[in-house]
Every structure is written in structure tokens, then in C-alpha cells.
């Protein structure tokens, strides 16, 4: 009888349907895990937005471009 059980497990290991089911189960577990991570990230983002720590709505400081006249004047004065 133990030989039959061993043969059955070997058949299950090589059975593509059984492999596919195992892969599907692994993917479901991974998707559940990713959903939990996404929920945590969304909560953190929302908390940051409500506490004023997000970068939304902030305008970066614009640098003023130097005109050729200003450049020439700066060079002639010896400033860098």
C-alpha cells in the first residue's frame, strides 16, 4: 500500500493541473499581501496629507535667469 501512496504523490507532483492550482494559491496569497501593503501605504499618504507633510500644492522656488546684460555687468565687477 505504501507503494501506491508514493506513486500517487509522484503523479500529483507531475500533474500540471495540481501545479497550476498550487501556483494560483500562491498568487492569491501574494495578492492578498500586496493589498494589505497598499492599504497601509494609502493610510500613510492620507495621514501625511492631512498633517501637512505632503508635497502636494507646494511650488518649487523658481530661479531667475540672468540676462546677458546682468552677466556682463557681474563679470566686469569681478563677481562670480
N, C-alpha and C. Protein backbone atom coordinates (compact mmCIF):
# COMPACT_ATOMS: atom_id res chain seq x y z
N UNK A 1 0.80 -1.19 0.00
CA UNK A 1 0.00 0.00 0.00
C UNK A 1 0.85 1.27 0.00
N UNK A 2 1.94 1.24 0.68
CA UNK A 2 2.79 2.42 0.71
C UNK A 2 3.34 2.74 -0.68
N UNK A 3 3.51 1.71 -1.51
CA UNK A 3 3.96 1.96 -2.87
C UNK A 3 2.90 2.71 -3.66
N UNK A 4 1.66 2.41 -3.44
CA UNK A 4 0.58 3.09 -4.15
C UNK A 4 0.53 4.56 -3.73
N UNK A 5 0.67 4.81 -2.44
CA UNK A 5 0.65 6.18 -1.96
C UNK A 5 1.82 6.97 -2.54
N UNK A 6 3.00 6.36 -2.60
CA UNK A 6 4.15 7.02 -3.18
C UNK A 6 3.91 7.32 -4.65
N UNK A 7 3.32 6.38 -5.36
CA UNK A 7 3.04 6.60 -6.77
C UNK A 7 2.02 7.72 -6.95
N UNK A 8 1.03 7.77 -6.09
CA UNK A 8 0.02 8.81 -6.19
C UNK A 8 0.62 10.19 -5.96
N UNK A 9 1.52 10.32 -5.00
CA UNK A 9 2.14 11.61 -4.76
C UNK A 9 3.04 11.99 -5.92
N UNK A 10 3.70 11.02 -6.54
CA UNK A 10 4.52 11.33 -7.70
C UNK A 10 3.65 11.80 -8.85
N UNK A 11 2.51 11.18 -9.01
CA UNK A 11 1.60 11.59 -10.07
C UNK A 11 1.10 13.00 -9.80
N UNK A 12 0.79 13.31 -8.56
CA UNK A 12 0.33 14.65 -8.21
C UNK A 12 1.42 15.68 -8.45
N UNK A 13 2.66 15.34 -8.15
CA UNK A 13 3.75 16.28 -8.34
C UNK A 13 3.96 16.59 -9.82
N UNK A 14 3.76 15.62 -10.68
CA UNK A 14 3.98 15.85 -12.09
C UNK A 14 2.71 16.28 -12.82
N UNK A 15 1.59 16.26 -12.14
CA UNK A 15 0.32 16.65 -12.74
C UNK A 15 0.31 18.16 -12.95
N UNK A 16 0.17 18.63 -14.19
CA UNK A 16 0.19 20.07 -14.45
C UNK A 16 -0.98 20.81 -13.82
N UNK A 17 -2.09 20.15 -13.67
CA UNK A 17 -3.25 20.80 -13.05
C UNK A 17 -2.96 21.08 -11.57
N UNK A 18 -2.35 20.11 -10.92
CA UNK A 18 -2.02 20.30 -9.50
C UNK A 18 -0.99 21.42 -9.34
N UNK A 19 -0.03 21.47 -10.26
CA UNK A 19 0.97 22.55 -10.21
C UNK A 19 0.30 23.90 -10.43
N UNK A 20 -0.62 23.95 -11.39
CA UNK A 20 -1.31 25.20 -11.67
C UNK A 20 -2.12 25.66 -10.47
N UNK A 21 -2.79 24.73 -9.80
CA UNK A 21 -3.56 25.08 -8.61
C UNK A 21 -2.66 25.61 -7.51
N UNK A 22 -1.49 25.01 -7.37
CA UNK A 22 -0.55 25.48 -6.34
C UNK A 22 -0.07 26.89 -6.67
N UNK A 23 0.20 27.13 -7.94
CA UNK A 23 0.65 28.46 -8.35
C UNK A 23 -0.46 29.48 -8.14
N UNK A 24 -1.69 29.11 -8.46
CA UNK A 24 -2.82 30.01 -8.27
C UNK A 24 -2.97 30.36 -6.79
N UNK A 25 -2.82 29.38 -5.93
CA UNK A 25 -2.94 29.64 -4.49
C UNK A 25 -1.84 30.58 -4.01
N UNK A 26 -0.63 30.38 -4.52
CA UNK A 26 0.48 31.27 -4.15
C UNK A 26 0.20 32.69 -4.62
N UNK A 27 -0.32 32.81 -5.84
CA UNK A 27 -0.63 34.14 -6.36
C UNK A 27 -1.73 34.82 -5.55
N UNK A 28 -2.71 34.07 -5.13
CA UNK A 28 -3.78 34.64 -4.30
C UNK A 28 -3.22 35.15 -2.97
N UNK A 29 -2.34 34.36 -2.37
CA UNK A 29 -1.74 34.79 -1.11
C UNK A 29 -0.91 36.05 -1.31
N UNK A 30 -0.16 36.09 -2.40
CA UNK A 30 0.68 37.26 -2.69
C UNK A 30 -0.19 38.49 -2.97
N UNK A 31 -1.27 38.31 -3.71
CA UNK A 31 -2.18 39.43 -3.98
C UNK A 31 -2.81 39.96 -2.69
N UNK A 32 -3.17 39.08 -1.79
CA UNK A 32 -3.72 39.50 -0.50
C UNK A 32 -2.69 40.30 0.27
N UNK A 33 -1.47 39.83 0.25
CA UNK A 33 -0.39 40.53 0.95
C UNK A 33 -0.16 41.92 0.34
N UNK A 34 -0.18 41.99 -0.99
CA UNK A 34 0.03 43.28 -1.66
C UNK A 34 -1.13 44.24 -1.37
N UNK A 35 -2.35 43.72 -1.31
CA UNK A 35 -3.49 44.57 -0.98
C UNK A 35 -3.33 45.17 0.41
N UNK A 36 -2.85 44.38 1.35
CA UNK A 36 -2.64 44.88 2.72
C UNK A 36 -1.57 45.97 2.72
N UNK A 37 -0.51 45.76 1.96
CA UNK A 37 0.56 46.76 1.88
C UNK A 37 0.02 48.04 1.24
N UNK A 38 -0.77 47.91 0.18
CA UNK A 38 -1.34 49.08 -0.48
C UNK A 38 -2.24 49.86 0.46
N UNK A 39 -3.05 49.17 1.25
CA UNK A 39 -3.91 49.85 2.21
C UNK A 39 -3.09 50.63 3.21
N UNK A 40 -2.00 50.04 3.68
CA UNK A 40 -1.13 50.74 4.63
C UNK A 40 -0.52 51.99 3.99
N UNK A 41 -0.06 51.85 2.73
CA UNK A 41 0.53 52.99 2.04
C UNK A 41 -0.50 54.11 1.84
N UNK A 42 -1.73 53.73 1.50
CA UNK A 42 -2.78 54.74 1.33
C UNK A 42 -3.07 55.45 2.65
N UNK A 43 -3.08 54.70 3.76
CA UNK A 43 -3.31 55.32 5.06
C UNK A 43 -2.19 56.28 5.42
N UNK A 44 -0.97 55.90 5.13
CA UNK A 44 0.17 56.78 5.41
C UNK A 44 0.10 58.04 4.57
N UNK A 45 -0.22 57.88 3.29
CA UNK A 45 -0.33 59.03 2.40
C UNK A 45 -1.43 59.98 2.87
N UNK A 46 -2.57 59.42 3.24
CA UNK A 46 -3.67 60.25 3.73
C UNK A 46 -3.29 60.97 5.01
N UNK A 47 -2.63 60.28 5.90
CA UNK A 47 -2.20 60.89 7.15
C UNK A 47 -1.22 62.03 6.88
N UNK A 48 -0.29 61.82 5.94
CA UNK A 48 0.67 62.88 5.61
C UNK A 48 -0.02 64.08 4.98
N UNK A 49 -1.02 63.83 4.14
CA UNK A 49 -1.73 64.94 3.50
C UNK A 49 -2.50 65.75 4.54
N UNK A 50 -3.14 65.07 5.47
CA UNK A 50 -3.93 65.77 6.48
C UNK A 50 -3.05 66.49 7.50
N UNK A 51 -1.86 65.99 7.71
CA UNK A 51 -0.98 66.63 8.69
C UNK A 51 -0.11 67.71 8.07
N UNK A 52 -0.22 67.89 6.77
CA UNK A 52 0.54 68.95 6.11
C UNK A 52 1.95 68.55 5.74
N UNK A 53 2.24 67.29 5.74
CA UNK A 53 3.60 66.84 5.43
C UNK A 53 3.77 66.41 3.97
N UNK A 54 2.72 66.48 3.19
CA UNK A 54 2.83 66.04 1.80
C UNK A 54 3.39 67.17 0.95
N UNK A 55 3.82 66.83 -0.23
CA UNK A 55 4.39 67.83 -1.13
C UNK A 55 3.34 68.37 -2.09
N UNK A 56 2.10 68.01 -1.91
CA UNK A 56 1.03 68.46 -2.79
C UNK A 56 0.81 69.96 -2.62
N UNK A 57 0.68 70.64 -3.71
CA UNK A 57 0.38 72.07 -3.67
C UNK A 57 1.59 72.95 -3.42
N UNK A 58 2.74 72.40 -3.21
CA UNK A 58 3.93 73.20 -2.99
C UNK A 58 4.57 73.52 -4.33
N UNK A 59 4.88 74.77 -4.52
CA UNK A 59 5.51 75.21 -5.77
C UNK A 59 7.00 75.36 -5.50
N UNK A 60 7.83 74.68 -6.29
CA UNK A 60 9.27 74.83 -6.07
C UNK A 60 9.71 76.25 -6.41
N UNK A 61 10.72 76.72 -5.72
CA UNK A 61 11.23 78.06 -5.94
C UNK A 61 11.80 78.16 -7.35
N UNK A 62 11.37 79.21 -8.06
CA UNK A 62 11.86 79.39 -9.42
C UNK A 62 13.12 80.24 -9.39
N UNK A 63 14.10 79.82 -10.16
CA UNK A 63 15.34 80.57 -10.23
C UNK A 63 15.23 81.61 -11.34
N UNK A 64 15.74 82.77 -11.08
CA UNK A 64 15.71 83.84 -12.06
C UNK A 64 16.87 83.66 -13.02
N UNK A 65 16.54 83.68 -14.29
CA UNK A 65 17.60 83.56 -15.28
C UNK A 65 18.30 84.91 -15.42
N UNK A 66 19.59 84.83 -15.56
CA UNK A 66 20.40 86.02 -15.67
C UNK A 66 20.42 86.48 -17.13
N UNK A 67 20.17 87.76 -17.32
CA UNK A 67 20.21 88.31 -18.68
C UNK A 67 21.65 88.50 -19.11
N UNK A 68 21.90 88.58 -20.40
CA UNK A 68 23.28 88.82 -20.86
C UNK A 68 23.86 90.12 -20.30
N UNK A 69 23.03 91.14 -20.14
CA UNK A 69 23.50 92.41 -19.59
C UNK A 69 23.94 92.24 -18.14
N UNK A 70 23.12 91.51 -17.36
CA UNK A 70 23.47 91.26 -15.96
C UNK A 70 24.73 90.41 -15.86
N UNK A 71 24.86 89.45 -16.75
CA UNK A 71 26.05 88.60 -16.76
C UNK A 71 27.29 89.43 -17.02
N UNK A 72 27.23 90.30 -18.05
CA UNK A 72 28.39 91.13 -18.40
C UNK A 72 28.75 92.05 -17.25
N UNK A 73 27.73 92.63 -16.62
CA UNK A 73 27.99 93.55 -15.50
C UNK A 73 28.65 92.80 -14.34
N UNK A 74 28.17 91.55 -14.05
CA UNK A 74 28.74 90.77 -12.95
C UNK A 74 30.18 90.40 -13.24
N UNK A 75 30.48 90.06 -14.46
CA UNK A 75 31.85 89.68 -14.82
C UNK A 75 32.77 90.88 -14.75
N UNK A 76 32.29 92.04 -15.23
CA UNK A 76 33.12 93.24 -15.23
C UNK A 76 33.42 93.71 -13.79
N UNK A 77 32.50 93.43 -12.89
CA UNK A 77 32.72 93.82 -11.48
C UNK A 77 33.60 92.80 -10.75
N UNK A 78 33.85 91.65 -11.37
CA UNK A 78 34.71 90.65 -10.76
C UNK A 78 33.98 89.70 -9.84
N UNK A 79 32.67 89.70 -9.86
CA UNK A 79 31.89 88.76 -9.04
C UNK A 79 31.72 87.46 -9.79
N UNK A 80 31.60 86.42 -9.05
CA UNK A 80 31.41 85.12 -9.68
C UNK A 80 29.99 84.72 -9.68
